[in-house]
Amino acid sequence: MAALPRGRELFAGLRLFVATTANRGIAMLKWALIFFVVSLIAGFLGFSGVSAATAGIAKILFYIALAVFLIFLVLAFMAGSAIV
């Protein structure tokens, strides 16, 4: 049976996980911005159905990215206070 990581090794793994997952959150925000721009263009051109759909997708992606950010912010504070 493998030994569990202790102390600094455990939090180094947590930091790596947070760093790689944070990049996914940034990608989600990028897609939310893209859908928002598509929504604005579609609304300007008079495609109200497409505009409403893309605005809804952008809103959902934004809230998911916000939740991911808040979760990892709490994890980062917990990892930082446990090391000290």
PDB file of N, CA and C in Angstrom:
ATOM      1  N   MET A   1       0.844  -1.178   0.000  1.00  0.00           N
ATOM      2  CA  MET A   1       0.000   0.000   0.000  1.00  0.00           C
ATOM      3  C   MET A   1       0.890   1.241   0.000  1.00  0.00           C
ATOM      4  N   ALA A   2       0.600   2.168  -0.866  1.00  0.00           N
ATOM      5  CA  ALA A   2       1.408   3.389  -0.974  1.00  0.00           C
ATOM      6  C   ALA A   2       1.080   4.339   0.169  1.00  0.00           C
ATOM      7  N   ALA A   3       2.098   5.016   0.636  1.00  0.00           N
ATOM      8  CA  ALA A   3       1.899   5.986   1.710  1.00  0.00           C
ATOM      9  C   ALA A   3       1.246   7.245   1.159  1.00  0.00           C
ATOM     10  N   LEU A   4       0.415   7.834   1.962  1.00  0.00           N
ATOM     11  CA  LEU A   4      -0.242   9.070   1.561  1.00  0.00           C
ATOM     12  C   LEU A   4       0.754  10.226   1.634  1.00  0.00           C
ATOM     13  N   PRO A   5       0.645  11.201   0.730  1.00  0.00           N
ATOM     14  CA  PRO A   5       1.553  12.356   0.803  1.00  0.00           C
ATOM     15  C   PRO A   5       1.269  13.179   2.049  1.00  0.00           C
ATOM     16  N   ARG A   6       2.319  13.729   2.601  1.00  0.00           N
ATOM     17  CA  ARG A   6       2.154  14.510   3.823  1.00  0.00           C
ATOM     18  C   ARG A   6       2.664  15.926   3.622  1.00  0.00           C
ATOM     19  N   GLY A   7       2.137  16.803   4.422  1.00  0.00           N
ATOM     20  CA  GLY A   7       2.636  18.166   4.504  1.00  0.00           C
ATOM     21  C   GLY A   7       2.748  18.876   3.174  1.00  0.00           C
ATOM     22  N   ARG A   8       3.960  19.279   2.843  1.00  0.00           N
ATOM     23  CA  ARG A   8       4.211  20.076   1.647  1.00  0.00           C
ATOM     24  C   ARG A   8       3.867  19.333   0.363  1.00  0.00           C
ATOM     25  N   GLU A   9       4.083  18.022   0.317  1.00  0.00           N
ATOM     26  CA  GLU A   9       3.771  17.269  -0.901  1.00  0.00           C
ATOM     27  C   GLU A   9       2.286  17.318  -1.220  1.00  0.00           C
ATOM     28  N   LEU A  10       1.458  17.206  -0.191  1.00  0.00           N
ATOM     29  CA  LEU A  10       0.012  17.244  -0.384  1.00  0.00           C
ATOM     30  C   LEU A  10      -0.416  18.597  -0.947  1.00  0.00           C
ATOM     31  N   PHE A  11       0.113  19.676  -0.387  1.00  0.00           N
ATOM     32  CA  PHE A  11      -0.298  20.998  -0.834  1.00  0.00           C
ATOM     33  C   PHE A  11       0.334  21.378  -2.165  1.00  0.00           C
ATOM     34  N   ALA A  12       1.482  20.803  -2.494  1.00  0.00           N
ATOM     35  CA  ALA A  12       2.065  21.027  -3.818  1.00  0.00           C
ATOM     36  C   ALA A  12       1.162  20.420  -4.877  1.00  0.00           C
ATOM     37  N   GLY A  13       0.623  19.227  -4.600  1.00  0.00           N
ATOM     38  CA  GLY A  13      -0.328  18.602  -5.522  1.00  0.00           C
ATOM     39  C   GLY A  13      -1.598  19.419  -5.642  1.00  0.00           C
ATOM     40  N   LEU A  14      -2.056  19.978  -4.523  1.00  0.00           N
ATOM     41  CA  LEU A  14      -3.258  20.811  -4.549  1.00  0.00           C
ATOM     42  C   LEU A  14      -3.025  22.061  -5.381  1.00  0.00           C
ATOM     43  N   ARG A  15      -1.844  22.667  -5.232  1.00  0.00           N
ATOM     44  CA  ARG A  15      -1.537  23.859  -6.024  1.00  0.00           C
ATOM     45  C   ARG A  15      -1.504  23.544  -7.515  1.00  0.00           C
ATOM     46  N   LEU A  16      -0.928  22.401  -7.868  1.00  0.00           N
ATOM     47  CA  LEU A  16      -0.885  22.000  -9.272  1.00  0.00           C
ATOM     48  C   LEU A  16      -2.295  21.785  -9.813  1.00  0.00           C
ATOM     49  N   PHE A  17      -3.155  21.148  -9.026  1.00  0.00           N
ATOM     50  CA  PHE A  17      -4.538  20.915  -9.433  1.00  0.00           C
ATOM     51  C   PHE A  17      -5.272  22.237  -9.622  1.00  0.00           C
ATOM     52  N   VAL A  18      -5.081  23.158  -8.702  1.00  0.00           N
ATOM     53  CA  VAL A  18      -5.742  24.466  -8.803  1.00  0.00           C
ATOM     54  C   VAL A  18      -5.243  25.219 -10.026  1.00  0.00           C
ATOM     55  N   ALA A  19      -3.945  25.159 -10.305  1.00  0.00           N
ATOM     56  CA  ALA A  19      -3.380  25.887 -11.445  1.00  0.00           C
ATOM     57  C   ALA A  19      -3.914  25.342 -12.762  1.00  0.00           C
ATOM     58  N   THR A  20      -3.992  24.015 -12.896  1.00  0.00           N
ATOM     59  CA  THR A  20      -4.461  23.453 -14.162  1.00  0.00           C
ATOM     60  C   THR A  20      -5.956  23.653 -14.329  1.00  0.00           C
ATOM     61  N   THR A  21      -6.713  23.590 -13.246  1.00  0.00           N
ATOM     62  CA  THR A  21      -8.155  23.760 -13.349  1.00  0.00           C
ATOM     63  C   THR A  21      -8.517  25.230 -13.533  1.00  0.00           C
ATOM     64  N   ALA A  22      -7.707  26.139 -13.006  1.00  0.00           N
ATOM     65  CA  ALA A  22      -7.974  27.561 -13.186  1.00  0.00           C
ATOM     66  C   ALA A  22      -7.904  27.940 -14.656  1.00  0.00           C
ATOM     67  N   ASN A  23      -7.028  27.285 -15.420  1.00  0.00           N
ATOM     68  CA  ASN A  23      -6.961  27.558 -16.856  1.00  0.00           C
ATOM     69  C   ASN A  23      -8.263  27.179 -17.546  1.00  0.00           C
ATOM     70  N   ARG A  24      -8.921  26.144 -17.064  1.00  0.00           N
ATOM     71  CA  ARG A  24     -10.218  25.766 -17.626  1.00  0.00           C
ATOM     72  C   ARG A  24     -11.265  26.844 -17.350  1.00  0.00           C
ATOM     73  N   GLY A  25     -11.179  27.455 -16.168  1.00  0.00           N
ATOM     74  CA  GLY A  25     -12.110  28.529 -15.836  1.00  0.00           C
ATOM     75  C   GLY A  25     -11.917  29.737 -16.741  1.00  0.00           C
ATOM     76  N   ILE A  26     -10.676  30.030 -17.074  1.00  0.00           N
ATOM     77  CA  ILE A  26     -10.387  31.140 -17.981  1.00  0.00           C
ATOM     78  C   ILE A  26     -10.937  30.838 -19.368  1.00  0.00           C
ATOM     79  N   ALA A  27     -10.805  29.583 -19.801  1.00  0.00           N
ATOM     80  CA  ALA A  27     -11.356  29.196 -21.102  1.00  0.00           C
ATOM     81  C   ALA A  27     -12.872  29.332 -21.099  1.00  0.00           C
ATOM     82  N   MET A  28     -13.501  29.004 -19.972  1.00  0.00           N
ATOM     83  CA  MET A  28     -14.949  29.127 -19.874  1.00  0.00           C
ATOM     84  C   MET A  28     -15.375  30.596 -19.977  1.00  0.00           C
ATOM     85  N   LEU A  29     -14.618  31.475 -19.339  1.00  0.00           N
ATOM     86  CA  LEU A  29     -14.926  32.906 -19.443  1.00  0.00           C
ATOM     87  C   LEU A  29     -14.737  33.402 -20.875  1.00  0.00           C
ATOM     88  N   LYS A  30     -13.723  32.868 -21.558  1.00  0.00           N
ATOM     89  CA  LYS A  30     -13.501  33.250 -22.954  1.00  0.00           C
ATOM     90  C   LYS A  30     -14.696  32.857 -23.812  1.00  0.00           C
ATOM     91  N   TRP A  31     -15.203  31.644 -23.611  1.00  0.00           N
ATOM     92  CA  TRP A  31     -16.372  31.203 -24.373  1.00  0.00           C
ATOM     93  C   TRP A  31     -17.612  32.019 -24.010  1.00  0.00           C
ATOM     94  N   ALA A  32     -17.753  32.389 -22.740  1.00  0.00           N
ATOM     95  CA  ALA A  32     -18.883  33.221 -22.338  1.00  0.00           C
ATOM     96  C   ALA A  32     -18.820  34.568 -23.055  1.00  0.00           C
ATOM     97  N   LEU A  33     -17.623  35.135 -23.162  1.00  0.00           N
ATOM     98  CA  LEU A  33     -17.457  36.404 -23.867  1.00  0.00           C
ATOM     99  C   LEU A  33     -17.766  36.255 -25.359  1.00  0.00           C
ATOM    100  N   ILE A  34     -17.335  35.133 -25.948  1.00  0.00           N
ATOM    101  CA  ILE A  34     -17.622  34.897 -27.365  1.00  0.00           C
ATOM    102  C   ILE A  34     -19.128  34.801 -27.600  1.00  0.00           C
ATOM    103  N   PHE A  35     -19.831  34.045 -26.757  1.00  0.00           N
ATOM    104  CA  PHE A  35     -21.276  33.937 -26.912  1.00  0.00           C
ATOM    105  C   PHE A  35     -21.968  35.277 -26.677  1.00  0.00           C
ATOM    106  N   PHE A  36     -21.430  36.094 -25.766  1.00  0.00           N
ATOM    107  CA  PHE A  36     -22.003  37.413 -25.531  1.00  0.00           C
ATOM    108  C   PHE A  36     -21.867  38.298 -26.768  1.00  0.00           C
ATOM    109  N   VAL A  37     -20.696  38.263 -27.400  1.00  0.00           N
ATOM    110  CA  VAL A  37     -20.483  39.062 -28.614  1.00  0.00           C
ATOM    111  C   VAL A  37     -21.393  38.577 -29.746  1.00  0.00           C
ATOM    112  N   VAL A  38     -21.511  37.254 -29.899  1.00  0.00           N
ATOM    113  CA  VAL A  38     -22.411  36.704 -30.920  1.00  0.00           C
ATOM    114  C   VAL A  38     -23.844  37.144 -30.640  1.00  0.00           C
ATOM    115  N   SER A  39     -24.223  37.164 -29.373  1.00  0.00           N
ATOM    116  CA  SER A  39     -25.562  37.614 -28.992  1.00  0.00           C
ATOM    117  C   SER A  39     -25.791  39.072 -29.367  1.00  0.00           C
ATOM    118  N   LEU A  40     -24.798  39.909 -29.104  1.00  0.00           N
ATOM    119  CA  LEU A  40     -24.934  41.331 -29.457  1.00  0.00           C
ATOM    120  C   LEU A  40     -25.056  41.521 -30.968  1.00  0.00           C
ATOM    121  N   ILE A  41     -24.231  40.814 -31.725  1.00  0.00           N
ATOM    122  CA  ILE A  41     -24.273  40.939 -33.184  1.00  0.00           C
ATOM    123  C   ILE A  41     -25.604  40.428 -33.732  1.00  0.00           C
ATOM    124  N   ALA A  42     -26.058  39.277 -33.209  1.00  0.00           N
ATOM    125  CA  ALA A  42     -27.331  38.719 -33.682  1.00  0.00           C
ATOM    126  C   ALA A  42     -28.492  39.639 -33.326  1.00  0.00           C
ATOM    127  N   GLY A  43     -28.455  40.227 -32.150  1.00  0.00           N
ATOM    128  CA  GLY A  43     -29.500  41.168 -31.762  1.00  0.00           C
ATOM    129  C   GLY A  43     -29.497  42.414 -32.628  1.00  0.00           C
ATOM    130  N   PHE A  44     -28.306  42.894 -32.953  1.00  0.00           N
ATOM    131  CA  PHE A  44     -28.188  44.071 -33.813  1.00  0.00           C
ATOM    132  C   PHE A  44     -28.739  43.793 -35.215  1.00  0.00           C
ATOM    133  N   LEU A  45     -28.525  42.565 -35.709  1.00  0.00           N
ATOM    134  CA  LEU A  45     -28.994  42.206 -37.046  1.00  0.00           C
ATOM    135  C   LEU A  45     -30.458  41.762 -37.067  1.00  0.00           C
ATOM    136  N   GLY A  46     -31.083  41.681 -35.910  1.00  0.00           N
ATOM    137  CA  GLY A  46     -32.502  41.371 -35.859  1.00  0.00           C
ATOM    138  C   GLY A  46     -32.845  39.907 -35.643  1.00  0.00           C
ATOM    139  N   PHE A  47     -31.865  39.070 -35.355  1.00  0.00           N
ATOM    140  CA  PHE A  47     -32.127  37.660 -35.075  1.00  0.00           C
ATOM    141  C   PHE A  47     -32.357  37.495 -33.574  1.00  0.00           C
ATOM    142  N   SER A  48     -33.583  37.791 -33.135  1.00  0.00           N
ATOM    143  CA  SER A  48     -33.852  37.825 -31.699  1.00  0.00           C
ATOM    144  C   SER A  48     -33.784  36.430 -31.065  1.00  0.00           C
ATOM    145  N   GLY A  49     -34.178  35.391 -31.791  1.00  0.00           N
ATOM    146  CA  GLY A  49     -34.110  34.041 -31.234  1.00  0.00           C
ATOM    147  C   GLY A  49     -32.689  33.589 -30.983  1.00  0.00           C
ATOM    148  N   VAL A  50     -31.821  33.825 -31.956  1.00  0.00           N
ATOM    149  CA  VAL A  50     -30.407  33.470 -31.807  1.00  0.00           C
ATOM    150  C   VAL A  50     -29.779  34.318 -30.707  1.00  0.00           C
ATOM    151  N   SER A  51     -30.144  35.575 -30.644  1.00  0.00           N
ATOM    152  CA  SER A  51     -29.600  36.479 -29.647  1.00  0.00           C
ATOM    153  C   SER A  51     -29.972  36.018 -28.241  1.00  0.00           C
ATOM    154  N   ALA A  52     -31.209  35.628 -28.050  1.00  0.00           N
ATOM    155  CA  ALA A  52     -31.651  35.169 -26.726  1.00  0.00           C
ATOM    156  C   ALA A  52     -30.959  33.870 -26.334  1.00  0.00           C
ATOM    157  N   ALA A  53     -30.809  32.962 -27.289  1.00  0.00           N
ATOM    158  CA  ALA A  53     -30.163  31.681 -26.988  1.00  0.00           C
ATOM    159  C   ALA A  53     -28.701  31.872 -26.621  1.00  0.00           C
ATOM    160  N   THR A  54     -27.967  32.658 -27.382  1.00  0.00           N
ATOM    161  CA  THR A  54     -26.545  32.851 -27.084  1.00  0.00           C
ATOM    162  C   THR A  54     -26.349  33.657 -25.806  1.00  0.00           C
ATOM    163  N   ALA A  55     -27.261  34.577 -25.517  1.00  0.00           N
ATOM    164  CA  ALA A  55     -27.168  35.318 -24.259  1.00  0.00           C
ATOM    165  C   ALA A  55     -27.384  34.379 -23.074  1.00  0.00           C
ATOM    166  N   GLY A  56     -28.298  33.437 -23.214  1.00  0.00           N
ATOM    167  CA  GLY A  56     -28.525  32.461 -22.150  1.00  0.00           C
ATOM    168  C   GLY A  56     -27.318  31.575 -21.925  1.00  0.00           C
ATOM    169  N   ILE A  57     -26.686  31.134 -23.013  1.00  0.00           N
ATOM    170  CA  ILE A  57     -25.483  30.303 -22.900  1.00  0.00           C
ATOM    171  C   ILE A  57     -24.360  31.099 -22.239  1.00  0.00           C
ATOM    172  N   ALA A  58     -24.190  32.342 -22.631  1.00  0.00           N
ATOM    173  CA  ALA A  58     -23.140  33.186 -22.044  1.00  0.00           C
ATOM    174  C   ALA A  58     -23.377  33.382 -20.551  1.00  0.00           C
ATOM    175  N   LYS A  59     -24.621  33.565 -20.164  1.00  0.00           N
ATOM    176  CA  LYS A  59     -24.951  33.761 -18.753  1.00  0.00           C
ATOM    177  C   LYS A  59     -24.635  32.498 -17.944  1.00  0.00           C
ATOM    178  N   ILE A  60     -25.003  31.336 -18.464  1.00  0.00           N
ATOM    179  CA  ILE A  60     -24.739  30.080 -17.765  1.00  0.00           C
ATOM    180  C   ILE A  60     -23.238  29.851 -17.619  1.00  0.00           C
ATOM    181  N   LEU A  61     -22.474  30.061 -18.702  1.00  0.00           N
ATOM    182  CA  LEU A  61     -21.021  29.869 -18.638  1.00  0.00           C
ATOM    183  C   LEU A  61     -20.357  30.840 -17.670  1.00  0.00           C
ATOM    184  N   PHE A  62     -20.860  32.055 -17.614  1.00  0.00           N
ATOM    185  CA  PHE A  62     -20.304  33.038 -16.682  1.00  0.00           C
ATOM    186  C   PHE A  62     -20.513  32.599 -15.241  1.00  0.00           C
ATOM    187  N   TYR A  63     -21.714  32.134 -14.900  1.00  0.00           N
ATOM    188  CA  TYR A  63     -21.980  31.720 -13.529  1.00  0.00           C
ATOM    189  C   TYR A  63     -21.206  30.460 -13.152  1.00  0.00           C
ATOM    190  N   ILE A  64     -21.009  29.545 -14.090  1.00  0.00           N
ATOM    191  CA  ILE A  64     -20.192  28.365 -13.815  1.00  0.00           C
ATOM    192  C   ILE A  64     -18.743  28.779 -13.559  1.00  0.00           C
ATOM    193  N   ALA A  65     -18.217  29.680 -14.375  1.00  0.00           N
ATOM    194  CA  ALA A  65     -16.842  30.157 -14.190  1.00  0.00           C
ATOM    195  C   ALA A  65     -16.699  30.894 -12.858  1.00  0.00           C
ATOM    196  N   LEU A  66     -17.700  31.657 -12.484  1.00  0.00           N
ATOM    197  CA  LEU A  66     -17.673  32.364 -11.208  1.00  0.00           C
ATOM    198  C   LEU A  66     -17.661  31.377 -10.045  1.00  0.00           C
ATOM    199  N   ALA A  67     -18.464  30.321 -10.130  1.00  0.00           N
ATOM    200  CA  ALA A  67     -18.486  29.307  -9.073  1.00  0.00           C
ATOM    201  C   ALA A  67     -17.145  28.590  -8.975  1.00  0.00           C
ATOM    202  N   VAL A  68     -16.547  28.246 -10.118  1.00  0.00           N
ATOM    203  CA  VAL A  68     -15.232  27.595 -10.112  1.00  0.00           C
ATOM    204  C   VAL A  68     -14.192  28.517  -9.479  1.00  0.00           C
ATOM    205  N   PHE A  69     -14.240  29.799  -9.811  1.00  0.00           N
ATOM    206  CA  PHE A  69     -13.301  30.764  -9.237  1.00  0.00           C
ATOM    207  C   PHE A  69     -13.445  30.829  -7.722  1.00  0.00           C
ATOM    208  N   LEU A  70     -14.661  30.906  -7.223  1.00  0.00           N
ATOM    209  CA  LEU A  70     -14.874  31.014  -5.781  1.00  0.00           C
ATOM    210  C   LEU A  70     -14.433  29.748  -5.050  1.00  0.00           C
ATOM    211  N   ILE A  71     -14.697  28.590  -5.636  1.00  0.00           N
ATOM    212  CA  ILE A  71     -14.265  27.339  -5.013  1.00  0.00           C
ATOM    213  C   ILE A  71     -12.753  27.287  -4.906  1.00  0.00           C
ATOM    214  N   PHE A  72     -12.057  27.646  -5.981  1.00  0.00           N
ATOM    215  CA  PHE A  72     -10.602  27.580  -5.947  1.00  0.00           C
ATOM    216  C   PHE A  72      -9.990  28.703  -5.129  1.00  0.00           C
ATOM    217  N   LEU A  73     -10.677  29.801  -4.969  1.00  0.00           N
ATOM    218  CA  LEU A  73     -10.193  30.848  -4.081  1.00  0.00           C
ATOM    219  C   LEU A  73     -10.217  30.355  -2.640  1.00  0.00           C
ATOM    220  N   VAL A  74     -11.291  29.692  -2.250  1.00  0.00           N
ATOM    221  CA  VAL A  74     -11.384  29.133  -0.900  1.00  0.00           C
ATOM    222  C   VAL A  74     -10.323  28.050  -0.701  1.00  0.00           C
ATOM    223  N   LEU A  75     -10.136  27.168  -1.700  1.00  0.00           N
ATOM    224  CA  LEU A  75      -9.106  26.129  -1.593  1.00  0.00           C
ATOM    225  C   LEU A  75      -7.708  26.721  -1.461  1.00  0.00           C
ATOM    226  N   ALA A  76      -7.440  27.794  -2.185  1.00  0.00           N
ATOM    227  CA  ALA A  76      -6.120  28.429  -2.118  1.00  0.00           C
ATOM    228  C   ALA A  76      -5.877  29.020  -0.731  1.00  0.00           C
ATOM    229  N   PHE A  77      -6.893  29.639  -0.145  1.00  0.00           N
ATOM    230  CA  PHE A  77      -6.729  30.186   1.199  1.00  0.00           C
ATOM    231  C   PHE A  77      -6.547  29.075   2.229  1.00  0.00           C
ATOM    232  N   MET A  78      -7.273  27.973   2.055  1.00  0.00           N
ATOM    233  CA  MET A  78      -7.124  26.848   2.993  1.00  0.00           C
ATOM    234  C   MET A  78      -5.736  26.242   2.873  1.00  0.00           C
ATOM    235  N   ALA A  79      -5.228  26.089   1.663  1.00  0.00           N
ATOM    236  CA  ALA A  79      -3.897  25.504   1.477  1.00  0.00           C
ATOM    237  C   ALA A  79      -2.829  26.442   2.007  1.00  0.00           C
ATOM    238  N   GLY A  80      -2.992  27.729   1.813  1.00  0.00           N
ATOM    239  CA  GLY A  80      -2.006  28.692   2.289  1.00  0.00           C
ATOM    240  C   GLY A  80      -1.955  28.766   3.810  1.00  0.00           C
ATOM    241  N   SER A  81      -3.100  28.687   4.461  1.00  0.00           N
ATOM    242  CA  SER A  81      -3.114  28.770   5.931  1.00  0.00           C
ATOM    243  C   SER A  81      -2.642  27.469   6.564  1.00  0.00           C
ATOM    244  N   ALA A  82      -2.774  26.341   5.875  1.00  0.00           N
ATOM    245  CA  ALA A  82      -2.336  25.067   6.449  1.00  0.00           C
ATOM    246  C   ALA A  82      -0.825  24.915   6.408  1.00  0.00           C
ATOM    247  N   ILE A  83      -0.166  25.565   5.460  1.00  0.00           N
ATOM    248  CA  ILE A  83       1.297  25.456   5.336  1.00  0.00           C
ATOM    249  C   ILE A  83       1.985  26.283   6.417  1.00  0.00           C
ATOM    250  N   VAL A  84       1.428  27.437   6.729  1.00  0.00           N
ATOM    251  CA  VAL A  84       2.066  28.351   7.678  1.00  0.00           C
ATOM    252  C   VAL A  84       1.988  27.871   9.065  1.00  0.00           C
TER     253      VAL A  84
END
